Amino acid sequence: MPSVLIHVANEDPILGEIEAYPGPGDTSILVRNPRRRDGKDLHYLMANVTLVIWPMARVTFIEVVPGDDEEQIIGFVRE
């Protein structure tokens, strides 16, 4: 599951995991384990919430956070 940083209009960014990247026709995004960038709980969600659906109309943009298991791309190698 890729980790993403979701930028919602007039809110702090939200860190979470998604099953699949949203497509051009999607109207919402399903986020698992939503939290603030520093790992703290979101003050407007109940403590036991692990899955949230945000409307794409409120999402400004989404950053994909590279994971430890992803390959690093090497742009230039000198021998």
C-alpha atoms as a PDB file:
ATOM      1  CA  MET A   1       0.000   0.000   0.000  1.00  0.00           C
ATOM      2  CA  PRO A   2       1.607   3.289  -1.037  1.00  0.00           C
ATOM      3  CA  SER A   3       1.896   6.082   1.514  1.00  0.00           C
ATOM      4  CA  VAL A   4       0.686   9.490   0.391  1.00  0.00           C
ATOM      5  CA  LEU A   5       0.588  13.020   1.724  1.00  0.00           C
ATOM      6  CA  ILE A   6      -2.787  14.510   0.852  1.00  0.00           C
ATOM      7  CA  HIS A   7      -3.153  18.271   0.730  1.00  0.00           C
ATOM      8  CA  VAL A   8      -6.758  19.189   1.545  1.00  0.00           C
ATOM      9  CA  ALA A   9      -7.969  22.746   1.013  1.00  0.00           C
ATOM     10  CA  ASN A  10      -7.629  24.885   4.180  1.00  0.00           C
ATOM     11  CA  GLU A  11      -6.259  21.962   6.269  1.00  0.00           C
ATOM     12  CA  ASP A  12      -2.856  20.634   7.278  1.00  0.00           C
ATOM     13  CA  PRO A  13      -1.534  17.824   5.038  1.00  0.00           C
ATOM     14  CA  ILE A  14      -2.730  14.318   5.882  1.00  0.00           C
ATOM     15  CA  LEU A  15      -0.433  11.302   5.811  1.00  0.00           C
ATOM     16  CA  GLY A  16      -1.993   7.909   5.107  1.00  0.00           C
ATOM     17  CA  GLU A  17      -2.031   4.802   2.949  1.00  0.00           C
ATOM     18  CA  ILE A  18      -4.204   4.165  -0.104  1.00  0.00           C
ATOM     19  CA  GLU A  19      -5.118   0.949  -1.937  1.00  0.00           C
ATOM     20  CA  ALA A  20      -4.819   2.477  -5.418  1.00  0.00           C
ATOM     21  CA  TYR A  21      -4.054   5.851  -6.924  1.00  0.00           C
ATOM     22  CA  PRO A  22      -7.162   7.868  -7.808  1.00  0.00           C
ATOM     23  CA  GLY A  23      -8.086   7.994 -11.473  1.00  0.00           C
ATOM     24  CA  PRO A  24      -9.281  10.974 -13.510  1.00  0.00           C
ATOM     25  CA  GLY A  25     -12.948  10.033 -13.014  1.00  0.00           C
ATOM     26  CA  ASP A  26     -12.792   9.348  -9.275  1.00  0.00           C
ATOM     27  CA  THR A  27     -14.837  11.600  -7.006  1.00  0.00           C
ATOM     28  CA  SER A  28     -13.340  10.488  -3.687  1.00  0.00           C
ATOM     29  CA  ILE A  29     -10.191   8.994  -2.179  1.00  0.00           C
ATOM     30  CA  LEU A  30     -10.131   6.273   0.477  1.00  0.00           C
ATOM     31  CA  VAL A  31      -7.338   6.781   3.057  1.00  0.00           C
ATOM     32  CA  ARG A  32      -6.281   4.241   5.679  1.00  0.00           C
ATOM     33  CA  ASN A  33      -4.638   5.277   8.963  1.00  0.00           C
ATOM     34  CA  PRO A  34      -4.987   9.043   8.436  1.00  0.00           C
ATOM     35  CA  ARG A  35      -2.704  11.137  10.615  1.00  0.00           C
ATOM     36  CA  ARG A  36      -0.792  14.398  10.627  1.00  0.00           C
ATOM     37  CA  ARG A  37       2.628  14.581   9.020  1.00  0.00           C
ATOM     38  CA  ASP A  38       4.263  14.216  12.450  1.00  0.00           C
ATOM     39  CA  GLY A  39       2.247  11.045  13.192  1.00  0.00           C
ATOM     40  CA  LYS A  40      -0.223  12.616  15.636  1.00  0.00           C
ATOM     41  CA  ASP A  41      -3.980  12.053  15.407  1.00  0.00           C
ATOM     42  CA  LEU A  42      -6.184  14.401  13.423  1.00  0.00           C
ATOM     43  CA  HIS A  43      -8.120  16.517  15.933  1.00  0.00           C
ATOM     44  CA  TYR A  44     -11.375  16.334  13.948  1.00  0.00           C
ATOM     45  CA  LEU A  45     -11.504  12.504  13.782  1.00  0.00           C
ATOM     46  CA  MET A  46     -12.478  10.104  16.534  1.00  0.00           C
ATOM     47  CA  ALA A  47      -9.537   8.199  18.068  1.00  0.00           C
ATOM     48  CA  ASN A  48     -10.555   4.778  16.701  1.00  0.00           C
ATOM     49  CA  VAL A  49     -11.082   5.840  13.043  1.00  0.00           C
ATOM     50  CA  THR A  50      -8.789   3.960  10.631  1.00  0.00           C
ATOM     51  CA  LEU A  51     -10.487   4.627   7.291  1.00  0.00           C
ATOM     52  CA  VAL A  52     -11.676   7.976   5.877  1.00  0.00           C
ATOM     53  CA  ILE A  53     -13.187   8.934   2.514  1.00  0.00           C
ATOM     54  CA  TRP A  54     -12.335  12.439   1.292  1.00  0.00           C
ATOM     55  CA  PRO A  55     -14.062  14.040  -1.696  1.00  0.00           C
ATOM     56  CA  MET A  56     -11.593  14.820  -4.493  1.00  0.00           C
ATOM     57  CA  ALA A  57     -13.161  18.281  -4.792  1.00  0.00           C
ATOM     58  CA  ARG A  58     -11.441  19.181  -1.478  1.00  0.00           C
ATOM     59  CA  VAL A  59      -8.055  17.674  -2.425  1.00  0.00           C
ATOM     60  CA  THR A  60      -5.569  20.186  -3.839  1.00  0.00           C
ATOM     61  CA  PHE A  61      -2.848  17.657  -4.685  1.00  0.00           C
ATOM     62  CA  ILE A  62      -1.357  14.341  -3.541  1.00  0.00           C
ATOM     63  CA  GLU A  63       2.315  13.583  -2.878  1.00  0.00           C
ATOM     64  CA  VAL A  64       3.508   9.980  -3.120  1.00  0.00           C
ATOM     65  CA  VAL A  65       5.891   9.226  -0.238  1.00  0.00           C
ATOM     66  CA  PRO A  66       8.700   6.841  -1.265  1.00  0.00           C
ATOM     67  CA  GLY A  67       8.866   3.722   0.878  1.00  0.00           C
ATOM     68  CA  ASP A  68      11.916   1.840   2.138  1.00  0.00           C
ATOM     69  CA  ASP A  69      11.166  -1.112  -0.138  1.00  0.00           C
ATOM     70  CA  GLU A  70      11.029   0.982  -3.318  1.00  0.00           C
ATOM     71  CA  GLU A  71      14.043   1.011  -5.599  1.00  0.00           C
ATOM     72  CA  GLN A  72      16.115   4.149  -5.681  1.00  0.00           C
ATOM     73  CA  ILE A  73      16.689   5.583  -9.131  1.00  0.00           C
ATOM     74  CA  ILE A  74      20.278   6.442  -9.933  1.00  0.00           C
ATOM     75  CA  GLY A  75      20.458   9.267 -12.449  1.00  0.00           C
ATOM     76  CA  PHE A  76      24.194   9.420 -13.163  1.00  0.00           C
ATOM     77  CA  VAL A  77      26.955   6.895 -12.552  1.00  0.00           C
ATOM     78  CA  ARG A  78      30.627   7.636 -13.087  1.00  0.00           C
ATOM     79  CA  GLU A  79      33.135   4.806 -13.212  1.00  0.00           C
END
